[in-house]
Structure formats: C-alpha cells, structure tokens
C-alpha atoms as a PDB file:
ATOM      1  CA  MET A   1      11.444 -14.555   7.339  1.00  0.00           C
ATOM      2  CA  TYR A   2      15.198 -15.084   7.622  1.00  0.00           C
ATOM      3  CA  ASN A   3      17.790 -14.001  10.136  1.00  0.00           C
ATOM      4  CA  MET A   4      19.655 -11.014   8.692  1.00  0.00           C
ATOM      5  CA  ARG A   5      23.101  -9.637   9.334  1.00  0.00           C
ATOM      6  CA  ASN A   6      23.180  -5.932  10.088  1.00  0.00           C
ATOM      7  CA  PHE A   7      24.747  -5.181   6.690  1.00  0.00           C
ATOM      8  CA  GLN A   8      22.028  -7.142   4.862  1.00  0.00           C
ATOM      9  CA  PHE A   9      19.254  -5.377   6.744  1.00  0.00           C
ATOM     10  CA  GLN A  10      20.778  -1.951   6.123  1.00  0.00           C
ATOM     11  CA  THR A  11      21.284  -2.687   2.405  1.00  0.00           C
ATOM     12  CA  VAL A  12      17.580  -3.396   1.916  1.00  0.00           C
ATOM     13  CA  TYR A  13      16.665  -0.454   4.178  1.00  0.00           C
ATOM     14  CA  ASP A  14      18.793   1.958   2.122  1.00  0.00           C
ATOM     15  CA  ILE A  15      17.666   0.748  -1.328  1.00  0.00           C
ATOM     16  CA  LEU A  16      14.014   1.000  -0.274  1.00  0.00           C
ATOM     17  CA  SER A  17      14.620   4.515   1.070  1.00  0.00           C
ATOM     18  CA  PHE A  18      16.393   5.543  -2.152  1.00  0.00           C
ATOM     19  CA  SER A  19      13.570   4.158  -4.295  1.00  0.00           C
ATOM     20  CA  LEU A  20      10.920   5.932  -2.217  1.00  0.00           C
ATOM     21  CA  ALA A  21      12.741   9.258  -2.487  1.00  0.00           C
ATOM     22  CA  SER A  22      13.193   8.818  -6.251  1.00  0.00           C
ATOM     23  CA  MET A  23       9.516   8.032  -6.832  1.00  0.00           C
ATOM     24  CA  SER A  24       8.342  10.948  -4.686  1.00  0.00           C
ATOM     25  CA  ALA A  25      10.648  13.508  -6.297  1.00  0.00           C
ATOM     26  CA  CYS A  26       9.789  12.314  -9.794  1.00  0.00           C
ATOM     27  CA  THR A  27       6.063  12.591  -9.086  1.00  0.00           C
ATOM     28  CA  VAL A  28       6.377  16.209  -7.965  1.00  0.00           C
ATOM     29  CA  PHE A  29       8.471  17.142 -10.995  1.00  0.00           C
ATOM     30  CA  LEU A  30       6.236  15.456 -13.581  1.00  0.00           C
ATOM     31  CA  TRP A  31       2.992  16.914 -12.274  1.00  0.00           C
ATOM     32  CA  MET A  32       4.468  20.390 -11.922  1.00  0.00           C
ATOM     33  CA  ARG A  33       5.579  20.259 -15.560  1.00  0.00           C
ATOM     34  CA  VAL A  34       2.144  19.311 -16.953  1.00  0.00           C
ATOM     35  CA  PRO A  35       1.311  22.953 -17.923  1.00  0.00           C
ATOM     36  CA  SER A  36       4.446  23.070 -20.118  1.00  0.00           C
ATOM     37  CA  VAL A  37       3.044  20.628 -22.710  1.00  0.00           C
ATOM     38  CA  LEU A  38       0.106  20.841 -25.090  1.00  0.00           C
ATOM     39  CA  GLU A  39      -3.298  19.490 -24.078  1.00  0.00           C
ATOM     40  CA  ARG A  40      -2.994  16.313 -26.130  1.00  0.00           C
ATOM     41  CA  TYR A  41       0.177  15.261 -24.257  1.00  0.00           C
ATOM     42  CA  LYS A  42      -0.945  16.175 -20.746  1.00  0.00           C
ATOM     43  CA  THR A  43      -2.610  12.797 -20.208  1.00  0.00           C
ATOM     44  CA  ALA A  44       0.665  10.959 -20.847  1.00  0.00           C
ATOM     45  CA  LEU A  45       2.503  13.213 -18.401  1.00  0.00           C
ATOM     46  CA  ILE A  46      -0.197  12.901 -15.738  1.00  0.00           C
ATOM     47  CA  ILE A  47      -0.109   9.112 -16.094  1.00  0.00           C
ATOM     48  CA  SER A  48       3.684   9.193 -15.756  1.00  0.00           C
ATOM     49  CA  GLY A  49       3.227  11.013 -12.458  1.00  0.00           C
ATOM     50  CA  LEU A  50       0.552   8.539 -11.385  1.00  0.00           C
ATOM     51  CA  VAL A  51       2.968   5.664 -11.991  1.00  0.00           C
ATOM     52  CA  THR A  52       5.582   7.137  -9.659  1.00  0.00           C
ATOM     53  CA  PHE A  53       2.948   8.319  -7.153  1.00  0.00           C
ATOM     54  CA  ILE A  54       1.443   4.829  -6.838  1.00  0.00           C
ATOM     55  CA  ALA A  55       4.942   3.366  -6.585  1.00  0.00           C
ATOM     56  CA  ALA A  56       5.882   5.873  -3.860  1.00  0.00           C
ATOM     57  CA  TYR A  57       2.826   4.860  -1.821  1.00  0.00           C
ATOM     58  CA  HIS A  58       3.663   1.174  -2.076  1.00  0.00           C
ATOM     59  CA  TYR A  59       7.315   1.821  -1.262  1.00  0.00           C
ATOM     60  CA  ILE A  60       6.171   3.489   1.960  1.00  0.00           C
ATOM     61  CA  ARG A  61       4.281   0.312   2.821  1.00  0.00           C
ATOM     62  CA  ILE A  62       7.189  -1.963   1.856  1.00  0.00           C
ATOM     63  CA  PHE A  63       9.671   0.192   3.794  1.00  0.00           C
ATOM     64  CA  ASN A  64       7.508   0.219   6.939  1.00  0.00           C
ATOM     65  CA  SER A  65       6.910  -3.520   6.669  1.00  0.00           C
ATOM     66  CA  TRP A  66      10.652  -4.153   6.437  1.00  0.00           C
ATOM     67  CA  VAL A  67      11.361  -1.981   9.483  1.00  0.00           C
ATOM     68  CA  ASP A  68       8.623  -3.707  11.495  1.00  0.00           C
ATOM     69  CA  ALA A  69       9.942  -7.174  10.641  1.00  0.00           C
ATOM     70  CA  TYR A  70      13.239  -6.729  12.512  1.00  0.00           C
ATOM     71  CA  ALA A  71      14.432  -5.123  15.735  1.00  0.00           C
ATOM     72  CA  TRP A  72      17.574  -4.854  17.835  1.00  0.00           C
ATOM     73  CA  THR A  73      17.869  -5.767  21.502  1.00  0.00           C
ATOM     74  CA  PRO A  74      18.803  -2.879  23.822  1.00  0.00           C
ATOM     75  CA  TYR A  75      22.512  -2.151  23.483  1.00  0.00           C
ATOM     76  CA  LYS A  76      24.574  -2.903  26.601  1.00  0.00           C
ATOM     77  CA  GLY A  77      28.090  -3.244  25.221  1.00  0.00           C
ATOM     78  CA  THR A  78      31.004  -0.849  24.963  1.00  0.00           C
ATOM     79  CA  SER A  79      32.524  -1.886  21.624  1.00  0.00           C
ATOM     80  CA  GLY A  80      30.106   0.106  19.472  1.00  0.00           C
ATOM     81  CA  ASP A  81      28.994  -3.039  17.608  1.00  0.00           C
ATOM     82  CA  VAL A  82      25.190  -3.098  17.628  1.00  0.00           C
ATOM     83  CA  GLY A  83      25.100  -6.704  16.399  1.00  0.00           C
ATOM     84  CA  ASN A  84      22.461  -8.141  14.098  1.00  0.00           C
ATOM     85  CA  PRO A  85      18.705  -7.524  14.101  1.00  0.00           C
ATOM     86  CA  ASN A  86      16.261 -10.094  15.430  1.00  0.00           C
ATOM     87  CA  ILE A  87      13.065 -11.273  13.780  1.00  0.00           C
ATOM     88  CA  THR A  88      10.134  -9.594  15.530  1.00  0.00           C
ATOM     89  CA  GLY A  89       7.509 -12.043  14.332  1.00  0.00           C
ATOM     90  CA  VAL A  90       5.808  -9.403  12.194  1.00  0.00           C
ATOM     91  CA  PRO A  91       6.000 -10.805   8.635  1.00  0.00           C
ATOM     92  CA  PHE A  92       7.620  -8.778   5.884  1.00  0.00           C
ATOM     93  CA  ASN A  93       4.885  -8.201   3.297  1.00  0.00           C
ATOM     94  CA  ASP A  94       6.533  -7.949  -0.100  1.00  0.00           C
ATOM     95  CA  ALA A  95       3.166  -8.525  -1.800  1.00  0.00           C
ATOM     96  CA  TYR A  96       2.818  -4.743  -1.872  1.00  0.00           C
ATOM     97  CA  ARG A  97       5.277  -4.820  -4.760  1.00  0.00           C
ATOM     98  CA  TYR A  98       2.976  -6.967  -6.882  1.00  0.00           C
ATOM     99  CA  MET A  99      -0.003  -4.789  -6.030  1.00  0.00           C
ATOM    100  CA  ASP A 100       2.099  -1.864  -7.235  1.00  0.00           C
ATOM    101  CA  TRP A 101       3.054  -3.575 -10.488  1.00  0.00           C
ATOM    102  CA  LEU A 102      -0.533  -4.594 -11.158  1.00  0.00           C
ATOM    103  CA  LEU A 103      -1.421  -0.886 -11.301  1.00  0.00           C
ATOM    104  CA  THR A 104       1.748   0.743 -12.591  1.00  0.00           C
ATOM    105  CA  VAL A 105       2.923  -1.598 -15.356  1.00  0.00           C
ATOM    106  CA  PRO A 106      -0.221  -1.157 -17.515  1.00  0.00           C
ATOM    107  CA  LEU A 107      -0.072   2.610 -16.888  1.00  0.00           C
ATOM    108  CA  LEU A 108       3.601   2.659 -17.807  1.00  0.00           C
ATOM    109  CA  LEU A 109       2.834   1.059 -21.159  1.00  0.00           C
ATOM    110  CA  MET A 110      -0.066   3.457 -21.692  1.00  0.00           C
ATOM    111  CA  GLU A 111       2.111   6.531 -21.207  1.00  0.00           C
ATOM    112  CA  ILE A 112       4.468   5.277 -23.928  1.00  0.00           C
ATOM    113  CA  VAL A 113       1.628   4.574 -26.373  1.00  0.00           C
ATOM    114  CA  LEU A 114       0.022   7.971 -25.733  1.00  0.00           C
ATOM    115  CA  VAL A 115       3.069   9.937 -26.948  1.00  0.00           C
ATOM    116  CA  MET A 116       3.353   7.908 -30.154  1.00  0.00           C
ATOM    117  CA  ASN A 117       2.067   8.869 -33.575  1.00  0.00           C
ATOM    118  CA  LEU A 118      -1.072   6.715 -33.559  1.00  0.00           C
ATOM    119  CA  PRO A 119      -4.729   7.346 -34.459  1.00  0.00           C
ATOM    120  CA  ALA A 120      -6.983   7.647 -31.406  1.00  0.00           C
ATOM    121  CA  ASP A 121      -8.769   4.317 -31.952  1.00  0.00           C
ATOM    122  CA  GLU A 122      -5.539   2.384 -32.508  1.00  0.00           C
ATOM    123  CA  SER A 123      -3.942   4.058 -29.493  1.00  0.00           C
ATOM    124  CA  ALA A 124      -6.880   3.002 -27.290  1.00  0.00           C
ATOM    125  CA  SER A 125      -6.703  -0.555 -28.650  1.00  0.00           C
ATOM    126  CA  LYS A 126      -2.975  -0.834 -27.964  1.00  0.00           C
ATOM    127  CA  CYS A 127      -3.445   0.524 -24.443  1.00  0.00           C
ATOM    128  CA  TRP A 128      -6.097  -2.061 -23.665  1.00  0.00           C
ATOM    129  CA  ASN A 129      -4.158  -4.980 -25.179  1.00  0.00           C
ATOM    130  CA  LEU A 130      -0.905  -4.093 -23.457  1.00  0.00           C
ATOM    131  CA  GLY A 131      -2.715  -3.350 -20.198  1.00  0.00           C
ATOM    132  CA  VAL A 132      -4.442  -6.734 -20.109  1.00  0.00           C
ATOM    133  CA  GLY A 133      -1.328  -8.616 -21.229  1.00  0.00           C
ATOM    134  CA  SER A 134       0.894  -6.971 -18.624  1.00  0.00           C
ATOM    135  CA  GLY A 135      -1.739  -7.514 -15.922  1.00  0.00           C
ATOM    136  CA  LEU A 136      -1.809 -11.246 -16.684  1.00  0.00           C
ATOM    137  CA  MET A 137       2.000 -11.250 -16.571  1.00  0.00           C
ATOM    138  CA  ILE A 138       1.949  -9.814 -13.034  1.00  0.00           C
ATOM    139  CA  ILE A 139      -0.848 -12.037 -11.747  1.00  0.00           C
ATOM    140  CA  SER A 140       0.723 -15.239 -13.076  1.00  0.00           C
ATOM    141  CA  GLY A 141       4.071 -14.438 -11.435  1.00  0.00           C
ATOM    142  CA  TYR A 142       2.684 -13.524  -8.028  1.00  0.00           C
ATOM    143  CA  LYS A 143       2.176 -16.973  -6.520  1.00  0.00           C
ATOM    144  CA  GLY A 144       5.656 -18.177  -7.350  1.00  0.00           C
ATOM    145  CA  GLU A 145       7.250 -15.049  -5.885  1.00  0.00           C
ATOM    146  CA  LEU A 146       6.133 -16.128  -2.411  1.00  0.00           C
ATOM    147  CA  ILE A 147       8.261 -19.300  -2.564  1.00  0.00           C
ATOM    148  CA  LEU A 148      11.978 -18.762  -1.901  1.00  0.00           C
ATOM    149  CA  SER A 149      13.067 -22.184  -0.628  1.00  0.00           C
ATOM    150  CA  GLY A 150      12.041 -25.842  -0.483  1.00  0.00           C
ATOM    151  CA  ASP A 151      10.086 -27.209  -3.438  1.00  0.00           C
ATOM    152  CA  LEU A 152      10.427 -24.531  -6.105  1.00  0.00           C
ATOM    153  CA  THR A 153       8.172 -26.267  -8.647  1.00  0.00           C
ATOM    154  CA  PRO A 154       5.314 -23.748  -8.176  1.00  0.00           C
ATOM    155  CA  ARG A 155       7.817 -20.915  -8.695  1.00  0.00           C
ATOM    156  CA  TRP A 156       9.044 -22.495 -11.944  1.00  0.00           C
ATOM    157  CA  ILE A 157       5.461 -22.927 -13.186  1.00  0.00           C
ATOM    158  CA  SER A 158       4.628 -19.308 -12.383  1.00  0.00           C
ATOM    159  CA  PHE A 159       7.838 -18.180 -14.070  1.00  0.00           C
ATOM    160  CA  PHE A 160       7.102 -19.926 -17.377  1.00  0.00           C
ATOM    161  CA  ILE A 161       3.503 -18.678 -17.493  1.00  0.00           C
ATOM    162  CA  SER A 162       4.553 -15.138 -16.655  1.00  0.00           C
ATOM    163  CA  ILE A 163       7.487 -15.111 -19.099  1.00  0.00           C
ATOM    164  CA  THR A 164       5.088 -16.026 -21.927  1.00  0.00           C
ATOM    165  CA  PHE A 165       3.055 -12.872 -21.323  1.00  0.00           C
ATOM    166  CA  PHE A 166       6.313 -10.960 -20.790  1.00  0.00           C
ATOM    167  CA  ALA A 167       7.609 -11.998 -24.218  1.00  0.00           C
ATOM    168  CA  TRP A 168       4.321 -10.977 -25.863  1.00  0.00           C
ATOM    169  CA  VAL A 169       4.350  -7.531 -24.230  1.00  0.00           C
ATOM    170  CA  VAL A 170       7.988  -6.913 -25.214  1.00  0.00           C
ATOM    171  CA  GLN A 171       7.331  -8.094 -28.762  1.00  0.00           C
ATOM    172  CA  THR A 172       4.355  -5.749 -29.056  1.00  0.00           C
ATOM    173  CA  LEU A 173       6.302  -2.821 -27.647  1.00  0.00           C
ATOM    174  CA  MET A 174       9.382  -3.301 -29.829  1.00  0.00           C
ATOM    175  CA  VAL A 175       7.957  -4.834 -33.028  1.00  0.00           C
ATOM    176  CA  GLY A 176       4.220  -4.180 -32.995  1.00  0.00           C
ATOM    177  CA  LEU A 177       4.750  -0.453 -32.474  1.00  0.00           C
ATOM    178  CA  ALA A 178       7.796  -0.145 -34.758  1.00  0.00           C
ATOM    179  CA  ASP A 179       5.764   1.429 -37.596  1.00  0.00           C
ATOM    180  CA  ALA A 180       4.337   4.061 -35.263  1.00  0.00           C
ATOM    181  CA  THR A 181       7.841   4.923 -34.080  1.00  0.00           C
ATOM    182  CA  ALA A 182       9.163   5.128 -37.653  1.00  0.00           C
ATOM    183  CA  SER A 183       6.289   7.420 -38.673  1.00  0.00           C
ATOM    184  CA  GLU A 184       7.472  10.233 -36.380  1.00  0.00           C
ATOM    185  CA  PRO A 185       8.463  13.132 -38.672  1.00  0.00           C
ATOM    186  CA  ASP A 186      11.022  14.615 -36.270  1.00  0.00           C
ATOM    187  CA  PRO A 187      14.172  12.431 -36.134  1.00  0.00           C
ATOM    188  CA  VAL A 188      14.965  13.654 -32.607  1.00  0.00           C
ATOM    189  CA  VAL A 189      11.543  12.630 -31.309  1.00  0.00           C
ATOM    190  CA  ARG A 190      11.758   9.359 -33.241  1.00  0.00           C
ATOM    191  CA  ALA A 191      15.075   8.569 -31.561  1.00  0.00           C
ATOM    192  CA  GLN A 192      13.682   9.488 -28.132  1.00  0.00           C
ATOM    193  CA  ILE A 193      10.679   7.184 -28.516  1.00  0.00           C
ATOM    194  CA  SER A 194      12.918   4.371 -29.729  1.00  0.00           C
ATOM    195  CA  LYS A 195      15.135   4.934 -26.688  1.00  0.00           C
ATOM    196  CA  VAL A 196      12.133   4.786 -24.344  1.00  0.00           C
ATOM    197  CA  GLN A 197      11.109   1.439 -25.835  1.00  0.00           C
ATOM    198  CA  THR A 198      14.640   0.073 -25.504  1.00  0.00           C
ATOM    199  CA  VAL A 199      15.184   1.317 -21.938  1.00  0.00           C
ATOM    200  CA  THR A 200      11.817  -0.097 -20.876  1.00  0.00           C
ATOM    201  CA  CYS A 201      12.568  -3.529 -22.306  1.00  0.00           C
ATOM    202  CA  ILE A 202      16.131  -3.663 -20.956  1.00  0.00           C
ATOM    203  CA  SER A 203      15.020  -2.633 -17.469  1.00  0.00           C
ATOM    204  CA  TRP A 204      12.202  -5.154 -17.595  1.00  0.00           C
ATOM    205  CA  CYS A 205      14.658  -7.949 -18.421  1.00  0.00           C
ATOM    206  CA  THR A 206      16.012  -7.501 -14.894  1.00  0.00           C
ATOM    207  CA  TYR A 207      12.734  -8.753 -13.390  1.00  0.00           C
ATOM    208  CA  PRO A 208      12.842 -12.341 -14.742  1.00  0.00           C
ATOM    209  CA  ILE A 209      16.566 -12.533 -13.901  1.00  0.00           C
ATOM    210  CA  VAL A 210      15.885 -11.535 -10.295  1.00  0.00           C
ATOM    211  CA  TYR A 211      12.907 -13.913 -10.211  1.00  0.00           C
ATOM    212  CA  LEU A 212      15.320 -16.761 -10.997  1.00  0.00           C
ATOM    213  CA  PHE A 213      17.648 -16.063  -8.035  1.00  0.00           C
ATOM    214  CA  PRO A 214      16.120 -18.707  -5.713  1.00  0.00           C
ATOM    215  CA  MET A 215      16.168 -21.263  -8.569  1.00  0.00           C
ATOM    216  CA  THR A 216      19.909 -20.785  -9.100  1.00  0.00           C
ATOM    217  CA  GLY A 217      21.009 -21.602  -5.571  1.00  0.00           C
ATOM    218  CA  ILE A 218      20.691 -18.106  -4.116  1.00  0.00           C
ATOM    219  CA  GLY A 219      18.533 -18.714  -1.085  1.00  0.00           C
ATOM    220  CA  GLY A 220      17.643 -17.474   2.380  1.00  0.00           C
ATOM    221  CA  PRO A 221      18.653 -13.929   3.359  1.00  0.00           C
ATOM    222  CA  ASN A 222      20.895 -13.566   0.297  1.00  0.00           C
ATOM    223  CA  ALA A 223      17.872 -14.167  -1.941  1.00  0.00           C
ATOM    224  CA  VAL A 224      15.843 -11.566  -0.050  1.00  0.00           C
ATOM    225  CA  VAL A 225      18.581  -8.931  -0.370  1.00  0.00           C
ATOM    226  CA  GLY A 226      19.226  -9.726  -4.038  1.00  0.00           C
ATOM    227  CA  ILE A 227      15.531  -9.612  -4.914  1.00  0.00           C
ATOM    228  CA  GLN A 228      14.956  -6.299  -3.133  1.00  0.00           C
ATOM    229  CA  VAL A 229      18.017  -4.609  -4.639  1.00  0.00           C
ATOM    230  CA  GLY A 230      17.246  -5.958  -8.114  1.00  0.00           C
ATOM    231  CA  TYR A 231      13.573  -5.022  -8.112  1.00  0.00           C
ATOM    232  CA  CYS A 232      14.199  -1.566  -6.648  1.00  0.00           C
ATOM    233  CA  THR A 233      16.843  -0.787  -9.266  1.00  0.00           C
ATOM    234  CA  SER A 234      14.562  -1.904 -12.078  1.00  0.00           C
ATOM    235  CA  ASP A 235      11.651   0.080 -10.666  1.00  0.00           C
ATOM    236  CA  VAL A 236      13.636   3.319 -10.508  1.00  0.00           C
ATOM    237  CA  ILE A 237      14.772   2.882 -14.124  1.00  0.00           C
ATOM    238  CA  SER A 238      11.451   1.772 -15.594  1.00  0.00           C
ATOM    239  CA  LYS A 239       9.326   4.300 -13.683  1.00  0.00           C
ATOM    240  CA  CYS A 240      11.440   7.381 -12.908  1.00  0.00           C
ATOM    241  CA  LEU A 241      13.834   7.362 -15.860  1.00  0.00           C
ATOM    242  CA  VAL A 242      11.154   6.394 -18.366  1.00  0.00           C
ATOM    243  CA  GLY A 243       8.795   8.994 -16.868  1.00  0.00           C
ATOM    244  CA  LEU A 244      11.400  11.721 -17.375  1.00  0.00           C
ATOM    245  CA  MET A 245      11.943  10.518 -20.940  1.00  0.00           C
ATOM    246  CA  ILE A 246       8.191  10.697 -21.587  1.00  0.00           C
ATOM    247  CA  TYR A 247       8.324  14.295 -20.353  1.00  0.00           C
ATOM    248  CA  GLN A 248      11.137  15.095 -22.803  1.00  0.00           C
ATOM    249  CA  ILE A 249       9.171  13.580 -25.688  1.00  0.00           C
ATOM    250  CA  SER A 250       5.970  15.404 -24.713  1.00  0.00           C
ATOM    251  CA  LEU A 251       7.822  18.704 -24.449  1.00  0.00           C
ATOM    252  CA  ALA A 252       9.643  18.224 -27.765  1.00  0.00           C
ATOM    253  CA  LYS A 253       6.441  17.354 -29.625  1.00  0.00           C
ATOM    254  CA  SER A 254       4.623  20.273 -28.003  1.00  0.00           C
ATOM    255  CA  ASN A 255       7.360  22.696 -29.045  1.00  0.00           C
ATOM    256  CA  ASN A 256       7.343  21.330 -32.596  1.00  0.00           C
ATOM    257  CA  GLU A 257       3.592  21.791 -32.877  1.00  0.00           C
ATOM    258  CA  ARG A 258       3.775  25.301 -31.424  1.00  0.00           C
ATOM    259  CA  LYS A 259       6.406  26.245 -34.013  1.00  0.00           C
ATOM    260  CA  ALA A 260       4.343  24.708 -36.811  1.00  0.00           C
ATOM    261  CA  GLY A 261       1.319  26.690 -35.632  1.00  0.00           C
ATOM    262  CA  LEU A 262       3.271  29.957 -35.636  1.00  0.00           C
ATOM    263  CA  LEU A 263       4.629  29.295 -39.120  1.00  0.00           C
ATOM    264  CA  ALA A 264       1.147  28.493 -40.395  1.00  0.00           C
END
C-alpha cells in the first residue's frame, strides 16, 4: 500500500467505476440480443455476455477493495480542501483482476473462434488450445504482478515467461486462424472478423506495456495509478468493444443465412 494524493485516489476510483458500469451495461445488452441471432451463433453471444458479467463481478470486488483501503479523517477545516486519504490498513486486493482474466481471457478467445468459418472439431480444438495457452499466460504473470518495488527480478522472470505464451496466443489468433478468416464468403463479415482479431491483439499489447511500468522507474503510487488506468482501459476495449463486435458479426451472419434460406 502507498500513500495517495486525493487526485490519485479519485482517478483510480473513477476508472474502476467507469469499467464496472461498462461491463454491466454490455452484459445486459448482449444477453438481451441473444434471440436476434440464429441458434448456431447464440453460444458465442452468450459467452460474450459471460465475459463482461464475470468482469463486472470482479470489478465490484476491486472497487470495494480500493474504497476500503483508504479513508479520510473527519473534516474540521473551513477551506473546503479535504486533504489526502489515509491508509486504513485494509490491503488493496488487486488479485481479483487476475482471477478475472483467468476466466475471461479463454472465454474471450472462444467467442471469436465460435463465429469463424471452422468445422466443429477444428473449432473445439482451437478453443481448447487457445484456452490453455491463455490460462498459462495469466498464471505465469500473476506472481510478478504482486511486486512493484525493491528487487524486481521475480517480476522480470514472470514477464518473460508470460510474454512467451502471449506471443503464441497472438500468433495463433492472427496467423493460425488467417485461413478461416479468409474463407468467409461475405466480404463485410470477413472484414469484421479481421477487425475483431486486430482490435483484440492491439488492446492486449497494452497489458505487457503496463506490466513493465515498475521496471521502467514508475514506482509507488504512480505505478498503482498507471497500472489501474491501463488495465481498466484495456479491459473495456477487449471485453466490451470486442463483445459488441462479436454481436455485429453474429447478427450479420444470421441475416445472411436467413436470406439464403428464403432464396432457397
């Protein structure tokens, strides 16, 4: 725990609140739109909603933990300046974020695979491979995330192990699934799937950058604020934005198949 200025505390407070609201609203929208797509695409849309639902739950826990970690002394002044919060002694538990990623990252990759033009057996195989690979990426990075100052050697070790799995997942998503993307008959859908892959990878690149903050001289409360803002921003993009894009793809493919059925 670090002493925080009021502005630093409020910045983390606001970004956590924004992320929680985004995840909650996205969950409601995605699940309410499930009946609008064909049966074969409902699983992808339900999983998209699960990703944001699980994230919303963990953001509640992170938000409450942050609020419990700091408190203000009773105000007795006349200037209107409330001062800075004090450490309460209740530790801020950011491990909730890794518990969230351990569940949501494999599901996020699954929802992308499930809207692609793949045979059922190959789709299941890709889901399992990407799920295991991404899970190992999260687990290997967890220990180092707990170290923000002092000897950062364990954080460096965790980073290099995790980035190896990260590179494999990104390579599979962008290169290993390139043929499936190219096989989409509708150019609009093909472009949408390609965009989902690109947005996912770009947003994910934020995570290792943020992970490196303490190793680049950004320490103490500045590291905490930077990490929370960076991770929250990436989460909203990779979960909410990608979830809405999955909905657009599912709806487009459903409409195409309905039209083809009517013409037949």
